[in-house]
């Protein structure tokens, strides 16, 4: 599993210009069952994505498709982690 943290590098007015395209990117990766959760940080200075993939390289390939990445809108920090506990609804993700 991976936590992808986005931090905006540009004003929100510029972020908003790419927001619809970014949402399409998110929907594509939800459909492919790569992304599990996502949302804006509060305050609105970026976002968080919880993802699953075979390896870090796969995550970086996916990030490369994000319009926020391609257009220099956000910086990305990726943290890999190995879940060991979850509530009952999430148990299948850690087996």
PDB file of N, CA and C in Angstrom:
ATOM      1  N   UNK A   1       0.838  -1.174   0.000  1.00  0.00           N
ATOM      2  CA  UNK A   1       0.000   0.000   0.000  1.00  0.00           C
ATOM      3  C   UNK A   1       0.882   1.235   0.000  1.00  0.00           C
ATOM      4  N   UNK A   2       0.294   2.307  -0.488  1.00  0.00           N
ATOM      5  CA  UNK A   2       1.040   3.555  -0.623  1.00  0.00           C
ATOM      6  C   UNK A   2       0.160   4.730  -0.227  1.00  0.00           C
ATOM      7  N   UNK A   3       0.751   5.671   0.450  1.00  0.00           N
ATOM      8  CA  UNK A   3       0.121   6.963   0.711  1.00  0.00           C
ATOM      9  C   UNK A   3       0.801   7.956  -0.218  1.00  0.00           C
ATOM     10  N   UNK A   4       0.009   8.574  -1.078  1.00  0.00           N
ATOM     11  CA  UNK A   4       0.522   9.572  -2.012  1.00  0.00           C
ATOM     12  C   UNK A   4       0.039  10.927  -1.502  1.00  0.00           C
ATOM     13  N   UNK A   5       0.981  11.785  -1.156  1.00  0.00           N
ATOM     14  CA  UNK A   5       0.640  13.117  -0.661  1.00  0.00           C
ATOM     15  C   UNK A   5       1.007  14.142  -1.709  1.00  0.00           C
ATOM     16  N   UNK A   6       0.012  14.914  -2.143  1.00  0.00           N
ATOM     17  CA  UNK A   6       0.225  15.990  -3.110  1.00  0.00           C
ATOM     18  C   UNK A   6       0.257  17.311  -2.364  1.00  0.00           C
ATOM     19  N   UNK A   7       1.175  18.184  -2.738  1.00  0.00           N
ATOM     20  CA  UNK A   7       1.239  19.539  -2.199  1.00  0.00           C
ATOM     21  C   UNK A   7       1.280  20.499  -3.384  1.00  0.00           C
ATOM     22  N   UNK A   8       0.318  21.404  -3.415  1.00  0.00           N
ATOM     23  CA  UNK A   8       0.242  22.338  -4.536  1.00  0.00           C
ATOM     24  C   UNK A   8       1.437  23.281  -4.556  1.00  0.00           C
ATOM     25  N   UNK A   9       1.922  23.555  -5.759  1.00  0.00           N
ATOM     26  CA  UNK A   9       3.048  24.473  -5.964  1.00  0.00           C
ATOM     27  C   UNK A   9       2.590  25.788  -6.574  1.00  0.00           C
ATOM     28  N   UNK A  10       1.305  25.892  -6.910  1.00  0.00           N
ATOM     29  CA  UNK A  10       0.768  27.056  -7.606  1.00  0.00           C
ATOM     30  C   UNK A  10      -0.487  27.537  -6.875  1.00  0.00           C
ATOM     31  N   UNK A  11      -0.953  28.759  -7.173  1.00  0.00           N
ATOM     32  CA  UNK A  11      -2.186  29.253  -6.551  1.00  0.00           C
ATOM     33  C   UNK A  11      -3.397  28.373  -6.902  1.00  0.00           C
ATOM     34  N   UNK A  12      -4.399  28.379  -6.024  1.00  0.00           N
ATOM     35  CA  UNK A  12      -5.590  27.552  -6.229  1.00  0.00           C
ATOM     36  C   UNK A  12      -6.309  27.850  -7.537  1.00  0.00           C
ATOM     37  N   UNK A  13      -6.248  29.081  -8.013  1.00  0.00           N
ATOM     38  CA  UNK A  13      -6.883  29.409  -9.288  1.00  0.00           C
ATOM     39  C   UNK A  13      -6.289  28.570 -10.413  1.00  0.00           C
ATOM     40  N   UNK A  14      -4.999  28.316 -10.366  1.00  0.00           N
ATOM     41  CA  UNK A  14      -4.353  27.485 -11.377  1.00  0.00           C
ATOM     42  C   UNK A  14      -4.663  26.004 -11.146  1.00  0.00           C
ATOM     43  N   UNK A  15      -4.717  25.589  -9.875  1.00  0.00           N
ATOM     44  CA  UNK A  15      -5.106  24.208  -9.546  1.00  0.00           C
ATOM     45  C   UNK A  15      -6.471  23.914 -10.145  1.00  0.00           C
ATOM     46  N   UNK A  16      -7.408  24.829  -9.952  1.00  0.00           N
ATOM     47  CA  UNK A  16      -8.781  24.626 -10.402  1.00  0.00           C
ATOM     48  C   UNK A  16      -8.894  24.475 -11.917  1.00  0.00           C
ATOM     49  N   UNK A  17      -7.954  25.020 -12.665  1.00  0.00           N
ATOM     50  CA  UNK A  17      -7.971  24.888 -14.127  1.00  0.00           C
ATOM     51  C   UNK A  17      -7.772  23.432 -14.551  1.00  0.00           C
ATOM     52  N   UNK A  18      -7.118  22.631 -13.730  1.00  0.00           N
ATOM     53  CA  UNK A  18      -6.808  21.241 -14.059  1.00  0.00           C
ATOM     54  C   UNK A  18      -7.618  20.245 -13.231  1.00  0.00           C
ATOM     55  N   UNK A  19      -8.543  20.747 -12.415  1.00  0.00           N
ATOM     56  CA  UNK A  19      -9.246  19.893 -11.465  1.00  0.00           C
ATOM     57  C   UNK A  19     -10.118  18.840 -12.152  1.00  0.00           C
ATOM     58  N   UNK A  20     -10.851  19.192 -13.177  1.00  0.00           N
ATOM     59  CA  UNK A  20     -11.714  18.208 -13.855  1.00  0.00           C
ATOM     60  C   UNK A  20     -10.883  17.101 -14.498  1.00  0.00           C
ATOM     61  N   UNK A  21      -9.779  17.470 -15.119  1.00  0.00           N
ATOM     62  CA  UNK A  21      -8.898  16.474 -15.720  1.00  0.00           C
ATOM     63  C   UNK A  21      -8.286  15.573 -14.637  1.00  0.00           C
ATOM     64  N   UNK A  22      -7.952  16.163 -13.502  1.00  0.00           N
ATOM     65  CA  UNK A  22      -7.416  15.392 -12.380  1.00  0.00           C
ATOM     66  C   UNK A  22      -8.472  14.402 -11.869  1.00  0.00           C
ATOM     67  N   UNK A  23      -9.731  14.827 -11.789  1.00  0.00           N
ATOM     68  CA  UNK A  23     -10.807  13.940 -11.338  1.00  0.00           C
ATOM     69  C   UNK A  23     -10.980  12.754 -12.279  1.00  0.00           C
ATOM     70  N   UNK A  24     -10.821  12.970 -13.572  1.00  0.00           N
ATOM     71  CA  UNK A  24     -10.882  11.865 -14.533  1.00  0.00           C
ATOM     72  C   UNK A  24      -9.745  10.874 -14.291  1.00  0.00           C
ATOM     73  N   UNK A  25      -8.569  11.405 -14.005  1.00  0.00           N
ATOM     74  CA  UNK A  25      -7.410  10.575 -13.649  1.00  0.00           C
ATOM     75  C   UNK A  25      -7.730   9.725 -12.418  1.00  0.00           C
ATOM     76  N   UNK A  26      -8.330  10.343 -11.395  1.00  0.00           N
ATOM     77  CA  UNK A  26      -8.699   9.613 -10.183  1.00  0.00           C
ATOM     78  C   UNK A  26      -9.706   8.517 -10.504  1.00  0.00           C
ATOM     79  N   UNK A  27     -10.757   8.854 -11.246  1.00  0.00           N
ATOM     80  CA  UNK A  27     -11.803   7.881 -11.575  1.00  0.00           C
ATOM     81  C   UNK A  27     -11.239   6.690 -12.339  1.00  0.00           C
ATOM     82  N   UNK A  28     -10.327   6.937 -13.259  1.00  0.00           N
ATOM     83  CA  UNK A  28      -9.692   5.859 -14.019  1.00  0.00           C
ATOM     84  C   UNK A  28      -8.988   4.886 -13.076  1.00  0.00           C
ATOM     85  N   UNK A  29      -8.264   5.421 -12.101  1.00  0.00           N
ATOM     86  CA  UNK A  29      -7.507   4.573 -11.189  1.00  0.00           C
ATOM     87  C   UNK A  29      -8.385   3.899 -10.139  1.00  0.00           C
ATOM     88  N   UNK A  30      -9.534   4.509  -9.812  1.00  0.00           N
ATOM     89  CA  UNK A  30     -10.511   3.808  -8.977  1.00  0.00           C
ATOM     90  C   UNK A  30     -11.095   2.635  -9.748  1.00  0.00           C
ATOM     91  N   UNK A  31     -11.414   2.838 -11.012  1.00  0.00           N
ATOM     92  CA  UNK A  31     -11.984   1.765 -11.843  1.00  0.00           C
ATOM     93  C   UNK A  31     -11.012   0.605 -11.982  1.00  0.00           C
ATOM     94  N   UNK A  32      -9.724   0.894 -11.987  1.00  0.00           N
ATOM     95  CA  UNK A  32      -8.699  -0.144 -12.092  1.00  0.00           C
ATOM     96  C   UNK A  32      -8.319  -0.717 -10.728  1.00  0.00           C
ATOM     97  N   UNK A  33      -9.019  -0.263  -9.679  1.00  0.00           N
ATOM     98  CA  UNK A  33      -8.826  -0.727  -8.297  1.00  0.00           C
ATOM     99  C   UNK A  33      -7.425  -0.467  -7.765  1.00  0.00           C
ATOM    100  N   UNK A  34      -6.799   0.603  -8.262  1.00  0.00           N
ATOM    101  CA  UNK A  34      -5.499   1.038  -7.743  1.00  0.00           C
ATOM    102  C   UNK A  34      -5.716   1.990  -6.578  1.00  0.00           C
ATOM    103  N   UNK A  35      -6.622   2.956  -6.739  1.00  0.00           N
ATOM    104  CA  UNK A  35      -6.899   3.925  -5.686  1.00  0.00           C
ATOM    105  C   UNK A  35      -8.023   3.417  -4.799  1.00  0.00           C
ATOM    106  N   UNK A  36      -7.849   3.605  -3.480  1.00  0.00           N
ATOM    107  CA  UNK A  36      -8.820   3.150  -2.501  1.00  0.00           C
ATOM    108  C   UNK A  36      -9.555   4.300  -1.832  1.00  0.00           C
ATOM    109  N   UNK A  37      -8.851   5.384  -1.568  1.00  0.00           N
ATOM    110  CA  UNK A  37      -9.404   6.583  -0.930  1.00  0.00           C
ATOM    111  C   UNK A  37      -8.644   7.785  -1.465  1.00  0.00           C
ATOM    112  N   UNK A  38      -9.309   8.922  -1.514  1.00  0.00           N
ATOM    113  CA  UNK A  38      -8.602  10.156  -1.863  1.00  0.00           C
ATOM    114  C   UNK A  38      -9.407  11.337  -1.366  1.00  0.00           C
ATOM    115  N   UNK A  39      -8.723  12.466  -1.244  1.00  0.00           N
ATOM    116  CA  UNK A  39      -9.416  13.676  -0.828  1.00  0.00           C
ATOM    117  C   UNK A  39      -8.455  14.830  -0.635  1.00  0.00           C
ATOM    118  N   UNK A  40      -9.053  15.998  -0.467  1.00  0.00           N
ATOM    119  CA  UNK A  40      -8.279  17.222  -0.254  1.00  0.00           C
ATOM    120  C   UNK A  40      -7.731  17.263   1.163  1.00  0.00           C
ATOM    121  N   UNK A  41      -6.567  17.875   1.305  1.00  0.00           N
ATOM    122  CA  UNK A  41      -6.061  18.178   2.644  1.00  0.00           C
ATOM    123  C   UNK A  41      -6.795  19.416   3.144  1.00  0.00           C
ATOM    124  N   UNK A  42      -6.832  19.551   4.446  1.00  0.00           N
ATOM    125  CA  UNK A  42      -7.448  20.719   5.067  1.00  0.00           C
ATOM    126  C   UNK A  42      -6.411  21.372   5.948  1.00  0.00           C
ATOM    127  N   UNK A  43      -5.954  22.590   5.675  1.00  0.00           N
ATOM    128  CA  UNK A  43      -6.452  23.491   4.648  1.00  0.00           C
ATOM    129  C   UNK A  43      -6.128  22.975   3.239  1.00  0.00           C
ATOM    130  N   UNK A  44      -6.806  23.530   2.249  1.00  0.00           N
ATOM    131  CA  UNK A  44      -6.702  23.060   0.867  1.00  0.00           C
ATOM    132  C   UNK A  44      -5.366  23.476   0.257  1.00  0.00           C
ATOM    133  N   UNK A  45      -4.340  22.686   0.539  1.00  0.00           N
ATOM    134  CA  UNK A  45      -3.019  22.944  -0.044  1.00  0.00           C
ATOM    135  C   UNK A  45      -2.484  21.712  -0.762  1.00  0.00           C
ATOM    136  N   UNK A  46      -3.374  20.751  -1.013  1.00  0.00           N
ATOM    137  CA  UNK A  46      -2.992  19.525  -1.698  1.00  0.00           C
ATOM    138  C   UNK A  46      -3.997  18.434  -1.421  1.00  0.00           C
ATOM    139  N   UNK A  47      -3.556  17.179  -1.548  1.00  0.00           N
ATOM    140  CA  UNK A  47      -4.457  16.062  -1.345  1.00  0.00           C
ATOM    141  C   UNK A  47      -3.711  14.816  -0.921  1.00  0.00           C
ATOM    142  N   UNK A  48      -4.487  13.786  -0.590  1.00  0.00           N
ATOM    143  CA  UNK A  48      -3.962  12.495  -0.163  1.00  0.00           C
ATOM    144  C   UNK A  48      -4.666  11.412  -0.981  1.00  0.00           C
ATOM    145  N   UNK A  49      -3.902  10.420  -1.422  1.00  0.00           N
ATOM    146  CA  UNK A  49      -4.461   9.261  -2.106  1.00  0.00           C
ATOM    147  C   UNK A  49      -3.911   8.010  -1.416  1.00  0.00           C
ATOM    148  N   UNK A  50      -4.787   7.093  -1.078  1.00  0.00           N
ATOM    149  CA  UNK A  50      -4.385   5.785  -0.586  1.00  0.00           C
ATOM    150  C   UNK A  50      -4.489   4.832  -1.766  1.00  0.00           C
ATOM    151  N   UNK A  51      -3.398   4.161  -2.088  1.00  0.00           N
ATOM    152  CA  UNK A  51      -3.345   3.325  -3.286  1.00  0.00           C
ATOM    153  C   UNK A  51      -2.726   1.973  -2.982  1.00  0.00           C
ATOM    154  N   UNK A  52      -3.002   1.026  -3.878  1.00  0.00           N
ATOM    155  CA  UNK A  52      -2.347  -0.276  -3.796  1.00  0.00           C
ATOM    156  C   UNK A  52      -1.752  -0.584  -5.167  1.00  0.00           C
ATOM    157  N   UNK A  53      -0.554  -1.102  -5.148  1.00  0.00           N
ATOM    158  CA  UNK A  53       0.150  -1.450  -6.384  1.00  0.00           C
ATOM    159  C   UNK A  53       1.218  -2.474  -6.050  1.00  0.00           C
ATOM    160  N   UNK A  54       1.757  -3.096  -7.088  1.00  0.00           N
ATOM    161  CA  UNK A  54       2.792  -4.113  -6.904  1.00  0.00           C
ATOM    162  C   UNK A  54       4.069  -3.540  -6.292  1.00  0.00           C
ATOM    163  N   UNK A  55       4.421  -2.290  -6.706  1.00  0.00           N
ATOM    164  CA  UNK A  55       5.694  -1.728  -6.245  1.00  0.00           C
ATOM    165  C   UNK A  55       5.707  -0.213  -6.423  1.00  0.00           C
ATOM    166  N   UNK A  56       6.735   0.407  -5.893  1.00  0.00           N
ATOM    167  CA  UNK A  56       6.894   1.857  -5.949  1.00  0.00           C
ATOM    168  C   UNK A  56       6.984   2.341  -7.397  1.00  0.00           C
ATOM    169  N   UNK A  57       7.631   1.573  -8.236  1.00  0.00           N
ATOM    170  CA  UNK A  57       7.771   1.941  -9.640  1.00  0.00           C
ATOM    171  C   UNK A  57       6.400   2.088 -10.309  1.00  0.00           C
ATOM    172  N   UNK A  58       5.501   1.165  -9.994  1.00  0.00           N
ATOM    173  CA  UNK A  58       4.143   1.241 -10.539  1.00  0.00           C
ATOM    174  C   UNK A  58       3.428   2.507 -10.104  1.00  0.00           C
ATOM    175  N   UNK A  59       3.596   2.888  -8.853  1.00  0.00           N
ATOM    176  CA  UNK A  59       2.976   4.121  -8.341  1.00  0.00           C
ATOM    177  C   UNK A  59       3.541   5.333  -9.070  1.00  0.00           C
ATOM    178  N   UNK A  60       4.849   5.364  -9.269  1.00  0.00           N
ATOM    179  CA  UNK A  60       5.452   6.500  -9.958  1.00  0.00           C
ATOM    180  C   UNK A  60       4.989   6.581 -11.410  1.00  0.00           C
ATOM    181  N   UNK A  61       4.760   5.448 -12.044  1.00  0.00           N
ATOM    182  CA  UNK A  61       4.214   5.461 -13.406  1.00  0.00           C
ATOM    183  C   UNK A  61       2.813   6.046 -13.427  1.00  0.00           C
ATOM    184  N   UNK A  62       2.011   5.693 -12.438  1.00  0.00           N
ATOM    185  CA  UNK A  62       0.649   6.222 -12.344  1.00  0.00           C
ATOM    186  C   UNK A  62       0.680   7.723 -12.074  1.00  0.00           C
ATOM    187  N   UNK A  63       1.523   8.158 -11.156  1.00  0.00           N
ATOM    188  CA  UNK A  63       1.642   9.589 -10.868  1.00  0.00           C
ATOM    189  C   UNK A  63       2.003  10.362 -12.127  1.00  0.00           C
ATOM    190  N   UNK A  64       2.842   9.787 -12.966  1.00  0.00           N
ATOM    191  CA  UNK A  64       3.243  10.443 -14.201  1.00  0.00           C
ATOM    192  C   UNK A  64       2.087  10.733 -15.139  1.00  0.00           C
ATOM    193  N   UNK A  65       0.955  10.056 -14.956  1.00  0.00           N
ATOM    194  CA  UNK A  65      -0.234  10.280 -15.772  1.00  0.00           C
ATOM    195  C   UNK A  65      -1.121  11.394 -15.228  1.00  0.00           C
ATOM    196  N   UNK A  66      -0.887  11.811 -13.992  1.00  0.00           N
ATOM    197  CA  UNK A  66      -1.738  12.820 -13.357  1.00  0.00           C
ATOM    198  C   UNK A  66      -1.515  14.186 -14.010  1.00  0.00           C
ATOM    199  N   UNK A  67      -2.586  14.851 -14.445  1.00  0.00           N
ATOM    200  CA  UNK A  67      -2.432  16.186 -15.027  1.00  0.00           C
ATOM    201  C   UNK A  67      -1.795  17.185 -14.066  1.00  0.00           C
ATOM    202  N   UNK A  68      -1.988  16.995 -12.769  1.00  0.00           N
ATOM    203  CA  UNK A  68      -1.315  17.867 -11.802  1.00  0.00           C
ATOM    204  C   UNK A  68       0.194  17.681 -11.888  1.00  0.00           C
ATOM    205  N   UNK A  69       0.646  16.466 -12.100  1.00  0.00           N
ATOM    206  CA  UNK A  69       2.073  16.194 -12.244  1.00  0.00           C
ATOM    207  C   UNK A  69       2.582  16.725 -13.587  1.00  0.00           C
ATOM    208  N   UNK A  70       1.890  16.362 -14.662  1.00  0.00           N
ATOM    209  CA  UNK A  70       2.330  16.738 -16.013  1.00  0.00           C
ATOM    210  C   UNK A  70       2.416  18.247 -16.214  1.00  0.00           C
ATOM    211  N   UNK A  71       1.588  18.999 -15.475  1.00  0.00           N
ATOM    212  CA  UNK A  71       1.552  20.447 -15.637  1.00  0.00           C
ATOM    213  C   UNK A  71       2.232  21.205 -14.503  1.00  0.00           C
ATOM    214  N   UNK A  72       2.973  20.496 -13.654  1.00  0.00           N
ATOM    215  CA  UNK A  72       3.735  21.149 -12.589  1.00  0.00           C
ATOM    216  C   UNK A  72       2.882  21.789 -11.510  1.00  0.00           C
ATOM    217  N   UNK A  73       1.688  21.256 -11.288  1.00  0.00           N
ATOM    218  CA  UNK A  73       0.759  21.826 -10.314  1.00  0.00           C
ATOM    219  C   UNK A  73       1.106  21.401  -8.886  1.00  0.00           C
ATOM    220  N   UNK A  74       1.600  20.166  -8.724  1.00  0.00           N
ATOM    221  CA  UNK A  74       1.814  19.629  -7.376  1.00  0.00           C
ATOM    222  C   UNK A  74       3.134  18.881  -7.283  1.00  0.00           C
ATOM    223  N   UNK A  75       3.650  18.847  -6.063  1.00  0.00           N
ATOM    224  CA  UNK A  75       4.770  17.982  -5.711  1.00  0.00           C
ATOM    225  C   UNK A  75       4.172  16.723  -5.090  1.00  0.00           C
ATOM    226  N   UNK A  76       4.874  15.612  -5.202  1.00  0.00           N
ATOM    227  CA  UNK A  76       4.372  14.330  -4.722  1.00  0.00           C
ATOM    228  C   UNK A  76       5.355  13.707  -3.747  1.00  0.00           C
ATOM    229  N   UNK A  77       4.819  13.205  -2.641  1.00  0.00           N
ATOM    230  CA  UNK A  77       5.598  12.418  -1.695  1.00  0.00           C
ATOM    231  C   UNK A  77       4.884  11.083  -1.551  1.00  0.00           C
ATOM    232  N   UNK A  78       5.607   9.998  -1.759  1.00  0.00           N
ATOM    233  CA  UNK A  78       5.016   8.660  -1.694  1.00  0.00           C
ATOM    234  C   UNK A  78       5.632   7.901  -0.528  1.00  0.00           C
ATOM    235  N   UNK A  79       4.761   7.320   0.294  1.00  0.00           N
ATOM    236  CA  UNK A  79       5.196   6.506   1.420  1.00  0.00           C
ATOM    237  C   UNK A  79       4.603   5.116   1.262  1.00  0.00           C
ATOM    238  N   UNK A  80       5.463   4.114   1.217  1.00  0.00           N
ATOM    239  CA  UNK A  80       4.985   2.736   1.170  1.00  0.00           C
ATOM    240  C   UNK A  80       4.815   2.243   2.599  1.00  0.00           C
ATOM    241  N   UNK A  81       3.747   1.478   2.834  1.00  0.00           N
ATOM    242  CA  UNK A  81       3.580   0.879   4.150  1.00  0.00           C
ATOM    243  C   UNK A  81       2.929  -0.494   4.008  1.00  0.00           C
ATOM    244  N   UNK A  82       3.151  -1.312   5.012  1.00  0.00           N
ATOM    245  CA  UNK A  82       2.619  -2.669   5.040  1.00  0.00           C
ATOM    246  C   UNK A  82       1.560  -2.739   6.136  1.00  0.00           C
ATOM    247  N   UNK A  83       0.283  -2.665   5.769  1.00  0.00           N
ATOM    248  CA  UNK A  83      -0.761  -2.696   6.791  1.00  0.00           C
ATOM    249  C   UNK A  83      -0.759  -4.019   7.547  1.00  0.00           C
ATOM    250  N   UNK A  84      -0.886  -3.927   8.856  1.00  0.00           N
ATOM    251  CA  UNK A  84      -0.908  -5.130   9.677  1.00  0.00           C
ATOM    252  C   UNK A  84      -2.188  -5.266  10.489  1.00  0.00           C
ATOM    253  N   UNK A  85      -2.947  -4.168  10.592  1.00  0.00           N
ATOM    254  CA  UNK A  85      -4.230  -4.207  11.297  1.00  0.00           C
ATOM    255  C   UNK A  85      -5.225  -3.353  10.528  1.00  0.00           C
ATOM    256  N   UNK A  86      -6.499  -3.771  10.611  1.00  0.00           N
ATOM    257  CA  UNK A  86      -7.570  -3.003   9.971  1.00  0.00           C
ATOM    258  C   UNK A  86      -8.885  -3.352  10.648  1.00  0.00           C
ATOM    259  N   UNK A  87      -9.856  -2.435  10.519  1.00  0.00           N
ATOM    260  CA  UNK A  87     -11.170  -2.786  11.032  1.00  0.00           C
ATOM    261  C   UNK A  87     -11.780  -3.845  10.115  1.00  0.00           C
ATOM    262  N   UNK A  88     -12.876  -4.426  10.522  1.00  0.00           N
ATOM    263  CA  UNK A  88     -13.463  -5.564   9.814  1.00  0.00           C
ATOM    264  C   UNK A  88     -13.744  -5.267   8.328  1.00  0.00           C
ATOM    265  N   UNK A  89     -14.197  -4.070   8.023  1.00  0.00           N
ATOM    266  CA  UNK A  89     -14.524  -3.706   6.639  1.00  0.00           C
ATOM    267  C   UNK A  89     -13.303  -3.687   5.736  1.00  0.00           C
ATOM    268  N   UNK A  90     -12.127  -3.493   6.297  1.00  0.00           N
ATOM    269  CA  UNK A  90     -10.889  -3.386   5.508  1.00  0.00           C
ATOM    270  C   UNK A  90     -10.022  -4.638   5.583  1.00  0.00           C
ATOM    271  N   UNK A  91     -10.434  -5.661   6.279  1.00  0.00           N
ATOM    272  CA  UNK A  91      -9.607  -6.857   6.480  1.00  0.00           C
ATOM    273  C   UNK A  91      -9.111  -7.479   5.188  1.00  0.00           C
ATOM    274  N   UNK A  92      -9.927  -7.488   4.151  1.00  0.00           N
ATOM    275  CA  UNK A  92      -9.518  -8.143   2.904  1.00  0.00           C
ATOM    276  C   UNK A  92      -8.341  -7.434   2.254  1.00  0.00           C
ATOM    277  N   UNK A  93      -8.122  -6.171   2.578  1.00  0.00           N
ATOM    278  CA  UNK A  93      -7.006  -5.436   1.984  1.00  0.00           C
ATOM    279  C   UNK A  93      -5.655  -5.831   2.563  1.00  0.00           C
ATOM    280  N   UNK A  94      -5.643  -6.376   3.754  1.00  0.00           N
ATOM    281  CA  UNK A  94      -4.350  -6.676   4.387  1.00  0.00           C
ATOM    282  C   UNK A  94      -4.009  -8.156   4.370  1.00  0.00           C
ATOM    283  N   UNK A  95      -4.846  -8.973   3.790  1.00  0.00           N
ATOM    284  CA  UNK A  95      -4.571 -10.412   3.765  1.00  0.00           C
ATOM    285  C   UNK A  95      -3.683 -10.772   2.613  1.00  0.00           C
TER     286      UNK A  95
END
